[in-house]
Amino acid sequence: MRYIKDSIHNQISFRNRFWDEVIDTLEFQRLREIKQLGVVYYVFPGAIHTRFEHSLGVGYMAQTMMEHFLQNQKEELAINDRDKDIIVMAGLCNDLG
């Protein structure tokens, strides 16, 4: 398991090796060059968040949310690990388009 130091969530990791392979693709890595907040950093110098960091955070939050649902409402929501994988992938890839 690979750990990633994140400025908002501190230390994050993804529990599926496939997600690491997606993060390592050229398409995902190009998000490092795209600023999340555009030119806002001219006014707020600390606003240098990238689409890459944002996508990692969304994927991590989706993973955390789905693990909570699987632990507490699995039968109610009729969800399984495959549903979790799909939601986390959607979170990670939310800015690729």
Protein backbone atom coordinates (compact mmCIF):
# COMPACT_ATOMS: atom_id res chain seq x y z
CA MET A 1 0.00 0.00 0.00
CA ARG A 2 1.34 3.44 -0.97
CA TYR A 3 0.88 6.40 1.36
CA ILE A 4 0.49 9.93 0.06
CA LYS A 5 1.10 13.06 2.14
CA ASP A 6 -1.85 15.38 1.59
CA SER A 7 -2.08 18.99 2.76
CA ILE A 8 -5.72 18.62 3.81
CA HIS A 9 -6.18 14.97 4.85
CA ASN A 10 -2.61 14.50 6.15
CA GLN A 11 -1.70 10.93 5.14
CA ILE A 12 -3.95 9.07 2.72
CA SER A 13 -3.79 5.68 1.06
CA PHE A 14 -5.94 3.70 -1.32
CA ARG A 15 -6.69 0.12 -0.38
CA ASN A 16 -6.83 -1.25 -3.90
CA ARG A 17 -3.68 -1.60 -6.02
CA PHE A 18 -5.71 -0.83 -9.16
CA TRP A 19 -6.29 2.73 -7.92
CA ASP A 20 -2.53 3.24 -7.65
CA GLU A 21 -2.20 2.12 -11.26
CA VAL A 22 -4.82 4.70 -12.32
CA ILE A 23 -3.02 7.46 -10.39
CA ASP A 24 0.22 6.56 -12.20
CA THR A 25 -1.26 7.01 -15.70
CA LEU A 26 -0.18 9.98 -17.83
CA GLU A 27 -3.78 11.21 -18.01
CA PHE A 28 -4.03 11.41 -14.23
CA GLN A 29 -0.52 12.82 -13.77
CA ARG A 30 -1.25 15.73 -16.13
CA LEU A 31 -3.65 17.03 -13.45
CA ARG A 32 -0.54 18.13 -11.51
CA GLU A 33 -0.13 20.99 -14.00
CA ILE A 34 -3.71 22.31 -13.77
CA LYS A 35 -4.50 24.71 -10.97
CA GLN A 36 -7.79 24.01 -9.19
CA LEU A 37 -8.47 27.69 -8.47
CA GLY A 38 -7.16 29.27 -11.66
CA VAL A 39 -5.49 32.66 -11.11
CA VAL A 40 -6.80 33.07 -7.55
CA TYR A 41 -3.25 32.48 -6.32
CA TYR A 42 -2.36 36.03 -7.51
CA VAL A 43 -4.62 37.38 -4.75
CA PHE A 44 -4.23 34.51 -2.26
CA PRO A 45 -0.65 33.17 -2.57
CA GLY A 46 -1.52 30.04 -0.57
CA ALA A 47 -4.20 29.00 -3.09
CA ILE A 48 -2.00 26.71 -5.17
CA HIS A 49 -4.15 23.58 -4.99
CA THR A 50 -4.00 21.48 -8.18
CA ARG A 51 -6.58 19.25 -9.85
CA PHE A 52 -4.29 16.32 -8.98
CA GLU A 53 -4.47 17.05 -5.25
CA HIS A 54 -8.20 17.66 -5.52
CA SER A 55 -8.81 14.34 -7.29
CA LEU A 56 -6.78 12.42 -4.71
CA GLY A 57 -8.80 14.06 -1.94
CA VAL A 58 -12.13 13.28 -3.59
CA GLY A 59 -11.09 9.66 -4.14
CA TYR A 60 -9.97 9.35 -0.53
CA MET A 61 -13.19 10.87 0.80
CA ALA A 62 -15.23 8.56 -1.45
CA GLN A 63 -13.29 5.58 -0.09
CA THR A 64 -13.85 6.72 3.51
CA MET A 65 -17.57 7.29 2.89
CA MET A 66 -18.06 3.90 1.22
CA GLU A 67 -16.17 2.06 3.98
CA HIS A 68 -18.48 3.73 6.51
CA PHE A 69 -21.57 2.71 4.52
CA LEU A 70 -20.30 -0.86 4.10
CA GLN A 71 -19.65 -1.12 7.82
CA ASN A 72 -22.90 0.45 9.04
CA GLN A 73 -25.56 0.22 6.30
CA LYS A 74 -24.51 -2.59 3.97
CA GLU A 75 -27.85 -4.43 4.04
CA GLU A 76 -29.99 -1.28 4.10
CA LEU A 77 -28.29 0.17 1.04
CA ALA A 78 -27.72 -3.19 -0.71
CA ILE A 79 -24.10 -2.32 -1.51
CA ASN A 80 -20.97 -4.42 -1.82
CA ASP A 81 -17.22 -4.01 -2.39
CA ARG A 82 -17.73 -3.64 -6.14
CA ASP A 83 -19.97 -0.62 -5.52
CA LYS A 84 -17.23 0.83 -3.33
CA ASP A 85 -14.66 0.36 -6.09
CA ILE A 86 -16.88 2.12 -8.62
CA ILE A 87 -17.55 5.09 -6.34
CA VAL A 88 -13.87 5.52 -5.44
CA MET A 89 -12.91 5.34 -9.12
CA ALA A 90 -15.51 8.00 -9.93
CA GLY A 91 -14.05 10.21 -7.21
CA LEU A 92 -10.51 9.78 -8.45
CA CYS A 93 -11.43 10.43 -12.08
CA ASN A 94 -13.82 13.34 -11.47
CA ASP A 95 -11.51 15.89 -13.15
CA LEU A 96 -10.08 13.79 -15.98
CA GLY A 97 -12.69 14.93 -18.49
